[in-house]
N, C-alpha and C. Protein backbone atom coordinates (compact mmCIF):
# COMPACT_ATOMS: atom_id res chain seq x y z
N MET A 1 -52.50 53.35 1.82
CA MET A 1 -51.34 54.14 2.19
C MET A 1 -51.46 55.56 1.64
N GLU A 2 -51.96 55.69 0.41
CA GLU A 2 -52.08 57.03 -0.19
C GLU A 2 -52.99 57.93 0.63
N ASN A 3 -54.06 57.34 1.21
CA ASN A 3 -54.97 58.14 2.05
C ASN A 3 -54.25 58.62 3.31
N LEU A 4 -53.41 57.76 3.87
CA LEU A 4 -52.66 58.14 5.06
C LEU A 4 -51.67 59.26 4.74
N ILE A 5 -50.96 59.12 3.64
CA ILE A 5 -50.01 60.15 3.23
C ILE A 5 -50.75 61.45 2.95
N ASP A 6 -51.86 61.37 2.24
CA ASP A 6 -52.65 62.56 1.92
C ASP A 6 -53.14 63.25 3.20
N GLY A 7 -53.58 62.44 4.18
CA GLY A 7 -54.03 63.01 5.46
C GLY A 7 -52.90 63.72 6.18
N CYS A 8 -51.71 63.15 6.11
CA CYS A 8 -50.54 63.78 6.75
C CYS A 8 -50.18 65.09 6.05
N VAL A 9 -50.22 65.07 4.71
CA VAL A 9 -49.91 66.28 3.94
C VAL A 9 -50.89 67.40 4.30
N LYS A 10 -52.14 67.03 4.53
CA LYS A 10 -53.17 68.01 4.89
C LYS A 10 -53.10 68.40 6.37
N GLY A 11 -52.19 67.79 7.11
CA GLY A 11 -52.00 68.16 8.52
C GLY A 11 -52.99 67.56 9.47
N LYS A 12 -53.63 66.46 9.08
CA LYS A 12 -54.62 65.83 9.96
C LYS A 12 -53.91 65.07 11.09
N PRO A 13 -54.20 65.45 12.33
CA PRO A 13 -53.52 64.83 13.48
C PRO A 13 -53.67 63.30 13.55
N LYS A 14 -54.84 62.78 13.23
CA LYS A 14 -55.05 61.33 13.29
C LYS A 14 -54.16 60.61 12.28
N ALA A 15 -54.03 61.17 11.10
CA ALA A 15 -53.18 60.56 10.07
C ALA A 15 -51.72 60.59 10.50
N ARG A 16 -51.28 61.71 11.06
CA ARG A 16 -49.89 61.81 11.51
C ARG A 16 -49.62 60.84 12.66
N LYS A 17 -50.57 60.72 13.55
CA LYS A 17 -50.42 59.79 14.67
C LYS A 17 -50.33 58.35 14.16
N GLU A 18 -51.15 58.01 13.18
CA GLU A 18 -51.14 56.66 12.61
C GLU A 18 -49.84 56.37 11.87
N LEU A 19 -49.34 57.34 11.13
CA LEU A 19 -48.06 57.17 10.43
C LEU A 19 -46.95 56.92 11.45
N PHE A 20 -46.93 57.69 12.50
CA PHE A 20 -45.94 57.53 13.56
C PHE A 20 -46.07 56.14 14.19
N ARG A 21 -47.29 55.75 14.50
CA ARG A 21 -47.53 54.44 15.13
C ARG A 21 -47.03 53.30 14.25
N ARG A 22 -47.27 53.38 12.96
CA ARG A 22 -46.88 52.31 12.03
C ARG A 22 -45.37 52.19 11.85
N TYR A 23 -44.67 53.30 11.86
CA TYR A 23 -43.26 53.28 11.45
C TYR A 23 -42.25 53.63 12.55
N GLN A 24 -42.72 53.98 13.74
CA GLN A 24 -41.78 54.42 14.77
C GLN A 24 -40.76 53.34 15.12
N ARG A 25 -41.16 52.10 15.24
CA ARG A 25 -40.22 51.04 15.63
C ARG A 25 -39.16 50.80 14.56
N ILE A 26 -39.59 50.76 13.32
CA ILE A 26 -38.66 50.52 12.21
C ILE A 26 -37.65 51.67 12.13
N LEU A 27 -38.15 52.89 12.18
CA LEU A 27 -37.28 54.05 12.04
C LEU A 27 -36.42 54.29 13.27
N LEU A 28 -36.89 53.86 14.43
CA LEU A 28 -36.07 53.97 15.64
C LEU A 28 -34.82 53.11 15.49
N GLY A 29 -34.94 51.97 14.84
CA GLY A 29 -33.78 51.12 14.58
C GLY A 29 -32.72 51.84 13.78
N THR A 30 -33.14 52.60 12.78
CA THR A 30 -32.21 53.40 11.98
C THR A 30 -31.54 54.44 12.87
N CYS A 31 -32.33 55.12 13.67
CA CYS A 31 -31.80 56.17 14.55
C CYS A 31 -30.84 55.61 15.59
N LEU A 32 -31.11 54.41 16.09
CA LEU A 32 -30.24 53.81 17.11
C LEU A 32 -28.83 53.59 16.57
N ARG A 33 -28.70 53.29 15.31
CA ARG A 33 -27.37 53.06 14.74
C ARG A 33 -26.53 54.32 14.73
N TYR A 34 -27.15 55.48 14.73
CA TYR A 34 -26.42 56.75 14.68
C TYR A 34 -26.27 57.42 16.04
N SER A 35 -26.91 56.86 17.04
CA SER A 35 -26.94 57.54 18.34
C SER A 35 -26.10 56.81 19.38
N ARG A 36 -25.86 57.52 20.48
CA ARG A 36 -25.11 56.94 21.60
C ARG A 36 -25.98 56.03 22.45
N ASP A 37 -27.27 56.36 22.51
CA ASP A 37 -28.18 55.60 23.36
C ASP A 37 -29.61 55.79 22.87
N LYS A 38 -30.53 55.13 23.54
CA LYS A 38 -31.93 55.16 23.12
C LYS A 38 -32.52 56.57 23.23
N SER A 39 -32.16 57.29 24.27
CA SER A 39 -32.69 58.64 24.46
C SER A 39 -32.31 59.55 23.28
N GLU A 40 -31.04 59.50 22.88
CA GLU A 40 -30.59 60.30 21.74
C GLU A 40 -31.29 59.83 20.45
N ALA A 41 -31.47 58.52 20.31
CA ALA A 41 -32.16 57.98 19.13
C ALA A 41 -33.60 58.48 19.07
N GLU A 42 -34.25 58.54 20.21
CA GLU A 42 -35.63 59.04 20.25
C GLU A 42 -35.70 60.52 19.87
N ASP A 43 -34.71 61.30 20.28
CA ASP A 43 -34.65 62.71 19.87
C ASP A 43 -34.53 62.81 18.35
N ILE A 44 -33.64 62.00 17.78
CA ILE A 44 -33.46 62.01 16.33
C ILE A 44 -34.74 61.55 15.64
N LEU A 45 -35.39 60.53 16.20
CA LEU A 45 -36.64 60.03 15.63
C LEU A 45 -37.71 61.12 15.58
N LEU A 46 -37.87 61.85 16.66
CA LEU A 46 -38.88 62.92 16.69
C LEU A 46 -38.54 64.03 15.70
N GLU A 47 -37.26 64.42 15.65
CA GLU A 47 -36.86 65.42 14.66
C GLU A 47 -37.09 64.90 13.25
N GLY A 48 -36.82 63.63 13.06
CA GLY A 48 -37.01 63.01 11.75
C GLY A 48 -38.47 63.00 11.33
N PHE A 49 -39.36 62.71 12.26
CA PHE A 49 -40.79 62.72 11.91
C PHE A 49 -41.27 64.13 11.59
N ILE A 50 -40.73 65.11 12.26
CA ILE A 50 -41.07 66.50 11.90
C ILE A 50 -40.66 66.76 10.46
N GLN A 51 -39.46 66.28 10.09
CA GLN A 51 -39.00 66.44 8.71
C GLN A 51 -39.88 65.67 7.73
N ILE A 52 -40.26 64.46 8.11
CA ILE A 52 -41.12 63.65 7.24
C ILE A 52 -42.44 64.37 7.01
N TYR A 53 -43.06 64.85 8.07
CA TYR A 53 -44.34 65.55 7.92
C TYR A 53 -44.19 66.79 7.04
N SER A 54 -43.10 67.50 7.20
CA SER A 54 -42.94 68.74 6.42
C SER A 54 -42.57 68.46 4.96
N LYS A 55 -41.96 67.30 4.69
CA LYS A 55 -41.51 67.00 3.32
C LYS A 55 -42.39 65.99 2.60
N LEU A 56 -43.48 65.56 3.23
CA LEU A 56 -44.33 64.56 2.61
C LEU A 56 -44.87 64.99 1.25
N GLY A 57 -45.08 66.26 1.10
CA GLY A 57 -45.57 66.77 -0.18
C GLY A 57 -44.59 66.55 -1.31
N THR A 58 -43.32 66.32 -0.99
CA THR A 58 -42.31 66.09 -2.03
C THR A 58 -42.17 64.62 -2.38
N TYR A 59 -42.79 63.72 -1.60
CA TYR A 59 -42.72 62.30 -1.91
C TYR A 59 -43.51 62.05 -3.18
N SER A 60 -42.87 61.42 -4.16
CA SER A 60 -43.46 61.28 -5.49
C SER A 60 -44.16 59.94 -5.74
N ASN A 61 -44.33 59.12 -4.73
CA ASN A 61 -44.93 57.79 -4.86
C ASN A 61 -44.11 56.86 -5.75
N ASN A 62 -42.88 57.23 -6.05
CA ASN A 62 -41.97 56.35 -6.78
C ASN A 62 -41.05 55.69 -5.77
N GLY A 63 -40.95 54.39 -5.82
CA GLY A 63 -40.08 53.68 -4.88
C GLY A 63 -40.78 53.44 -3.57
N SER A 64 -40.04 52.88 -2.66
CA SER A 64 -40.56 52.49 -1.36
C SER A 64 -40.76 53.72 -0.46
N PHE A 65 -41.95 53.84 0.10
CA PHE A 65 -42.23 54.92 1.04
C PHE A 65 -41.39 54.75 2.30
N GLU A 66 -41.27 53.51 2.75
CA GLU A 66 -40.45 53.24 3.94
C GLU A 66 -38.99 53.61 3.68
N GLY A 67 -38.49 53.29 2.50
CA GLY A 67 -37.12 53.65 2.13
C GLY A 67 -36.93 55.16 2.11
N TRP A 68 -37.94 55.87 1.60
CA TRP A 68 -37.88 57.34 1.57
C TRP A 68 -37.81 57.88 2.99
N MET A 69 -38.63 57.32 3.90
CA MET A 69 -38.61 57.78 5.29
C MET A 69 -37.27 57.46 5.95
N LYS A 70 -36.68 56.30 5.65
CA LYS A 70 -35.37 55.96 6.22
C LYS A 70 -34.31 56.96 5.77
N ARG A 71 -34.37 57.36 4.51
CA ARG A 71 -33.40 58.36 4.03
C ARG A 71 -33.57 59.67 4.77
N VAL A 72 -34.82 60.07 5.03
CA VAL A 72 -35.06 61.29 5.81
C VAL A 72 -34.46 61.14 7.21
N MET A 73 -34.62 59.97 7.82
CA MET A 73 -34.06 59.73 9.16
C MET A 73 -32.54 59.79 9.14
N VAL A 74 -31.93 59.21 8.12
CA VAL A 74 -30.46 59.24 8.02
C VAL A 74 -29.99 60.68 7.90
N HIS A 75 -30.65 61.47 7.06
CA HIS A 75 -30.27 62.88 6.91
C HIS A 75 -30.50 63.66 8.21
N THR A 76 -31.55 63.31 8.93
CA THR A 76 -31.80 63.94 10.22
C THR A 76 -30.69 63.59 11.21
N ALA A 77 -30.26 62.34 11.20
CA ALA A 77 -29.16 61.91 12.08
C ALA A 77 -27.88 62.65 11.73
N ILE A 78 -27.63 62.84 10.44
CA ILE A 78 -26.44 63.58 10.00
C ILE A 78 -26.52 65.02 10.49
N ASP A 79 -27.68 65.64 10.33
CA ASP A 79 -27.86 67.01 10.81
C ASP A 79 -27.67 67.09 12.33
N TYR A 80 -28.17 66.11 13.04
CA TYR A 80 -28.01 66.05 14.50
C TYR A 80 -26.53 65.98 14.84
N PHE A 81 -25.80 65.15 14.11
CA PHE A 81 -24.35 65.02 14.31
C PHE A 81 -23.66 66.36 14.08
N ARG A 82 -24.01 67.03 12.99
CA ARG A 82 -23.39 68.33 12.68
C ARG A 82 -23.65 69.35 13.79
N LYS A 83 -24.89 69.40 14.27
CA LYS A 83 -25.25 70.38 15.31
C LYS A 83 -24.49 70.11 16.60
N ASN A 84 -24.21 68.86 16.87
CA ASN A 84 -23.56 68.48 18.12
C ASN A 84 -22.09 68.12 17.93
N ARG A 85 -21.52 68.57 16.85
CA ARG A 85 -20.13 68.22 16.49
C ARG A 85 -19.14 68.61 17.59
N LYS A 86 -19.40 69.70 18.30
CA LYS A 86 -18.48 70.15 19.35
C LYS A 86 -18.34 69.11 20.45
N GLU A 87 -19.40 68.35 20.67
CA GLU A 87 -19.38 67.32 21.71
C GLU A 87 -18.65 66.07 21.25
N ASN A 88 -18.49 65.92 19.95
CA ASN A 88 -17.90 64.70 19.40
C ASN A 88 -16.40 64.70 19.60
N THR A 89 -15.92 63.58 20.04
CA THR A 89 -14.49 63.46 20.24
C THR A 89 -13.94 62.46 19.24
N HIS A 90 -12.75 62.71 18.79
CA HIS A 90 -12.05 61.79 17.90
C HIS A 90 -10.87 61.24 18.68
N TYR A 91 -10.67 59.97 18.54
CA TYR A 91 -9.60 59.31 19.24
C TYR A 91 -8.45 59.05 18.28
N ASN A 92 -7.25 59.08 18.79
CA ASN A 92 -6.08 58.80 17.97
C ASN A 92 -6.01 57.32 17.68
N ILE A 93 -5.72 57.00 16.45
CA ILE A 93 -5.62 55.61 16.04
C ILE A 93 -4.50 54.91 16.81
N GLU A 94 -3.49 55.65 17.21
CA GLU A 94 -2.38 55.07 17.94
C GLU A 94 -2.83 54.47 19.27
N ASP A 95 -3.95 54.98 19.80
CA ASP A 95 -4.46 54.44 21.06
C ASP A 95 -5.03 53.04 20.88
N TYR A 96 -5.30 52.66 19.64
CA TYR A 96 -5.96 51.38 19.35
C TYR A 96 -5.21 50.63 18.27
N ASN A 97 -3.90 50.56 18.37
CA ASN A 97 -3.13 49.98 17.29
C ASN A 97 -2.78 48.52 17.51
N ASP A 98 -3.44 47.86 18.45
CA ASP A 98 -3.22 46.42 18.60
C ASP A 98 -3.70 45.74 17.32
N ILE A 99 -2.95 44.79 16.88
CA ILE A 99 -3.31 44.05 15.68
C ILE A 99 -4.28 42.95 16.08
N VAL A 100 -5.40 42.89 15.39
CA VAL A 100 -6.39 41.86 15.64
C VAL A 100 -6.12 40.74 14.65
N SER A 101 -6.08 39.52 15.13
CA SER A 101 -5.75 38.41 14.24
C SER A 101 -6.83 38.22 13.19
N GLU A 102 -6.40 37.78 12.02
CA GLU A 102 -7.30 37.60 10.88
C GLU A 102 -8.33 36.51 11.12
N ASP A 103 -7.98 35.51 11.94
CA ASP A 103 -8.90 34.40 12.14
C ASP A 103 -9.92 34.66 13.26
N PHE A 104 -9.87 35.84 13.86
CA PHE A 104 -10.81 36.21 14.91
C PHE A 104 -12.17 36.48 14.28
N ASP A 105 -13.20 35.72 14.65
CA ASP A 105 -14.49 35.83 14.00
C ASP A 105 -15.62 35.92 15.03
N ALA A 106 -15.56 36.91 15.90
CA ALA A 106 -16.56 37.08 16.95
C ALA A 106 -17.92 37.48 16.40
N LEU A 107 -17.95 38.10 15.22
CA LEU A 107 -19.24 38.55 14.67
C LEU A 107 -20.23 37.41 14.52
N GLU A 108 -19.73 36.22 14.23
CA GLU A 108 -20.61 35.07 14.09
C GLU A 108 -21.26 34.71 15.41
N GLN A 109 -20.66 35.12 16.51
CA GLN A 109 -21.17 34.78 17.83
C GLN A 109 -22.12 35.84 18.38
N LEU A 110 -22.29 36.97 17.68
CA LEU A 110 -23.08 38.08 18.20
C LEU A 110 -24.48 38.11 17.61
N SER A 111 -25.42 38.55 18.42
CA SER A 111 -26.78 38.78 17.94
C SER A 111 -26.86 40.18 17.33
N ALA A 112 -27.94 40.45 16.63
CA ALA A 112 -28.13 41.78 16.04
C ALA A 112 -28.15 42.85 17.13
N LYS A 113 -28.75 42.53 18.27
CA LYS A 113 -28.80 43.49 19.38
C LYS A 113 -27.40 43.79 19.90
N GLU A 114 -26.57 42.76 20.02
CA GLU A 114 -25.21 42.96 20.50
C GLU A 114 -24.38 43.77 19.51
N ILE A 115 -24.60 43.54 18.22
CA ILE A 115 -23.89 44.31 17.20
C ILE A 115 -24.30 45.77 17.27
N LEU A 116 -25.60 46.04 17.41
CA LEU A 116 -26.09 47.41 17.55
C LEU A 116 -25.47 48.07 18.78
N GLU A 117 -25.45 47.37 19.89
CA GLU A 117 -24.86 47.93 21.12
C GLU A 117 -23.37 48.22 20.92
N LEU A 118 -22.69 47.36 20.18
CA LEU A 118 -21.27 47.56 19.91
C LEU A 118 -21.07 48.80 19.03
N ILE A 119 -21.90 48.96 18.00
CA ILE A 119 -21.81 50.13 17.14
C ILE A 119 -22.07 51.40 17.94
N GLN A 120 -22.98 51.32 18.90
CA GLN A 120 -23.28 52.49 19.73
C GLN A 120 -22.12 52.90 20.62
N THR A 121 -21.15 52.01 20.84
CA THR A 121 -20.00 52.37 21.66
C THR A 121 -18.96 53.16 20.87
N LEU A 122 -19.10 53.17 19.55
CA LEU A 122 -18.15 53.94 18.74
C LEU A 122 -18.24 55.42 19.09
N PRO A 123 -17.13 56.13 19.06
CA PRO A 123 -17.20 57.59 19.20
C PRO A 123 -18.10 58.14 18.09
N GLN A 124 -18.81 59.21 18.36
CA GLN A 124 -19.83 59.75 17.45
C GLN A 124 -19.35 59.91 16.01
N GLY A 125 -18.21 60.52 15.79
CA GLY A 125 -17.72 60.72 14.43
C GLY A 125 -17.49 59.42 13.70
N TYR A 126 -16.89 58.45 14.38
CA TYR A 126 -16.68 57.14 13.78
C TYR A 126 -18.02 56.49 13.45
N ARG A 127 -18.95 56.57 14.40
CA ARG A 127 -20.25 55.91 14.27
C ARG A 127 -21.01 56.42 13.06
N VAL A 128 -21.07 57.72 12.88
CA VAL A 128 -21.82 58.29 11.77
C VAL A 128 -21.21 57.85 10.43
N VAL A 129 -19.89 57.99 10.30
CA VAL A 129 -19.24 57.64 9.04
C VAL A 129 -19.33 56.13 8.80
N PHE A 130 -19.14 55.32 9.83
CA PHE A 130 -19.24 53.87 9.69
C PHE A 130 -20.63 53.46 9.22
N ASN A 131 -21.67 54.02 9.82
CA ASN A 131 -23.03 53.71 9.41
C ASN A 131 -23.29 54.11 7.96
N LEU A 132 -22.88 55.31 7.61
CA LEU A 132 -23.12 55.77 6.25
C LEU A 132 -22.40 54.89 5.23
N PHE A 133 -21.18 54.48 5.54
CA PHE A 133 -20.39 53.70 4.60
C PHE A 133 -20.77 52.21 4.63
N ALA A 134 -20.70 51.60 5.80
CA ALA A 134 -20.85 50.15 5.90
C ALA A 134 -22.30 49.68 5.86
N ILE A 135 -23.21 50.49 6.34
CA ILE A 135 -24.60 50.05 6.43
C ILE A 135 -25.47 50.69 5.36
N GLU A 136 -25.36 52.00 5.19
CA GLU A 136 -26.20 52.70 4.21
C GLU A 136 -25.64 52.60 2.80
N GLY A 137 -24.33 52.33 2.66
CA GLY A 137 -23.73 52.14 1.35
C GLY A 137 -23.30 53.40 0.62
N TYR A 138 -23.13 54.51 1.34
CA TYR A 138 -22.66 55.74 0.71
C TYR A 138 -21.18 55.61 0.38
N SER A 139 -20.74 56.28 -0.66
CA SER A 139 -19.32 56.32 -0.99
C SER A 139 -18.63 57.33 -0.08
N HIS A 140 -17.30 57.26 -0.04
CA HIS A 140 -16.56 58.23 0.78
C HIS A 140 -16.77 59.65 0.25
N LYS A 141 -16.88 59.79 -1.04
CA LYS A 141 -17.12 61.11 -1.63
C LYS A 141 -18.47 61.67 -1.17
N GLU A 142 -19.51 60.82 -1.19
CA GLU A 142 -20.84 61.27 -0.75
C GLU A 142 -20.83 61.61 0.74
N ILE A 143 -20.15 60.79 1.52
CA ILE A 143 -20.07 61.05 2.96
C ILE A 143 -19.37 62.38 3.22
N ALA A 144 -18.26 62.61 2.50
CA ALA A 144 -17.52 63.85 2.67
C ALA A 144 -18.40 65.06 2.37
N GLU A 145 -19.21 64.96 1.32
CA GLU A 145 -20.11 66.07 0.96
C GLU A 145 -21.17 66.28 2.03
N LYS A 146 -21.77 65.18 2.50
CA LYS A 146 -22.85 65.28 3.49
C LYS A 146 -22.36 65.84 4.82
N LEU A 147 -21.16 65.42 5.23
CA LEU A 147 -20.64 65.84 6.54
C LEU A 147 -19.74 67.06 6.46
N GLU A 148 -19.50 67.53 5.23
CA GLU A 148 -18.65 68.69 5.01
C GLU A 148 -17.25 68.47 5.57
N VAL A 149 -16.68 67.32 5.22
CA VAL A 149 -15.31 66.97 5.60
C VAL A 149 -14.57 66.51 4.35
N ALA A 150 -13.27 66.31 4.48
CA ALA A 150 -12.48 65.80 3.36
C ALA A 150 -12.78 64.31 3.15
N GLU A 151 -12.65 63.88 1.91
CA GLU A 151 -12.87 62.47 1.60
C GLU A 151 -11.90 61.58 2.38
N SER A 152 -10.68 62.05 2.55
CA SER A 152 -9.69 61.28 3.31
C SER A 152 -10.11 61.14 4.77
N THR A 153 -10.83 62.11 5.30
CA THR A 153 -11.34 62.03 6.67
C THR A 153 -12.35 60.90 6.78
N SER A 154 -13.23 60.80 5.78
CA SER A 154 -14.21 59.72 5.77
C SER A 154 -13.51 58.37 5.76
N LYS A 155 -12.52 58.23 4.90
CA LYS A 155 -11.80 56.95 4.80
C LYS A 155 -11.10 56.61 6.11
N SER A 156 -10.46 57.59 6.72
CA SER A 156 -9.74 57.32 7.96
C SER A 156 -10.71 57.02 9.10
N GLN A 157 -11.86 57.68 9.12
CA GLN A 157 -12.84 57.42 10.18
C GLN A 157 -13.39 56.00 10.08
N VAL A 158 -13.64 55.52 8.85
CA VAL A 158 -14.11 54.14 8.69
C VAL A 158 -13.03 53.17 9.15
N ARG A 159 -11.79 53.43 8.77
CA ARG A 159 -10.68 52.56 9.19
C ARG A 159 -10.55 52.55 10.71
N LYS A 160 -10.61 53.72 11.31
CA LYS A 160 -10.51 53.82 12.77
C LYS A 160 -11.69 53.13 13.44
N ALA A 161 -12.88 53.26 12.86
CA ALA A 161 -14.07 52.60 13.42
C ALA A 161 -13.90 51.09 13.39
N ARG A 162 -13.38 50.58 12.29
CA ARG A 162 -13.18 49.13 12.19
C ARG A 162 -12.16 48.65 13.23
N ILE A 163 -11.09 49.39 13.39
CA ILE A 163 -10.08 49.01 14.39
C ILE A 163 -10.68 49.08 15.79
N TRP A 164 -11.42 50.14 16.05
CA TRP A 164 -12.09 50.30 17.36
C TRP A 164 -12.99 49.10 17.63
N LEU A 165 -13.82 48.73 16.63
CA LEU A 165 -14.75 47.62 16.80
C LEU A 165 -14.01 46.29 16.97
N MET A 166 -12.97 46.07 16.17
CA MET A 166 -12.21 44.82 16.29
C MET A 166 -11.56 44.70 17.66
N ASN A 167 -11.03 45.80 18.16
CA ASN A 167 -10.41 45.77 19.49
C ASN A 167 -11.44 45.51 20.58
N ARG A 168 -12.61 46.11 20.45
CA ARG A 168 -13.69 45.87 21.41
C ARG A 168 -14.09 44.40 21.39
N LEU A 169 -14.24 43.86 20.19
CA LEU A 169 -14.59 42.45 20.06
C LEU A 169 -13.50 41.56 20.65
N LYS A 170 -12.28 41.88 20.34
CA LYS A 170 -11.16 41.08 20.85
C LYS A 170 -11.13 41.11 22.37
N ASN A 171 -11.30 42.30 22.95
CA ASN A 171 -11.29 42.43 24.41
C ASN A 171 -12.45 41.71 25.06
N ASN A 172 -13.61 41.70 24.39
CA ASN A 172 -14.80 41.05 24.96
C ASN A 172 -14.78 39.55 24.82
N TYR A 173 -14.06 39.04 23.83
CA TYR A 173 -14.10 37.59 23.56
C TYR A 173 -12.78 36.89 23.77
N ASP A 174 -11.82 37.55 24.38
CA ASP A 174 -10.54 36.88 24.70
C ASP A 174 -10.71 36.01 25.92
């Protein structure tokens, strides 16, 4: 692995191609969680690999290399979200205020692919914050700093995302 990383740092095309070949599928999965569709995820993936290639010299060989690349992809997805913020729409919680029963457990009936597709239906702002909080494990404070929003915005977006998802599940499985 060190030879591959060293080749990428030196700008060798074969090494960069091999790194992309080895990790594109894994990292595309990360990008899909933040995107509306596969096409947008592929855009984020390519931007992310550009960032990986340019920042490889800063990788210190401490910790998981794959984990380091995933963090770069998450930051790339956040940057993509910021650049396209004008396109992002936020929905009023009042539009989705149906109460979902506590005993509703559709998640047990869903495959990983179906869950990913469901997450992709979230409005962009909800999707980014939900992924950062529920999947990546960032705190609301960290999310607020990364997205340059108030901490209360992060909290409300996660709450709205959960309601949105529960209503989608309820509508699909009633």
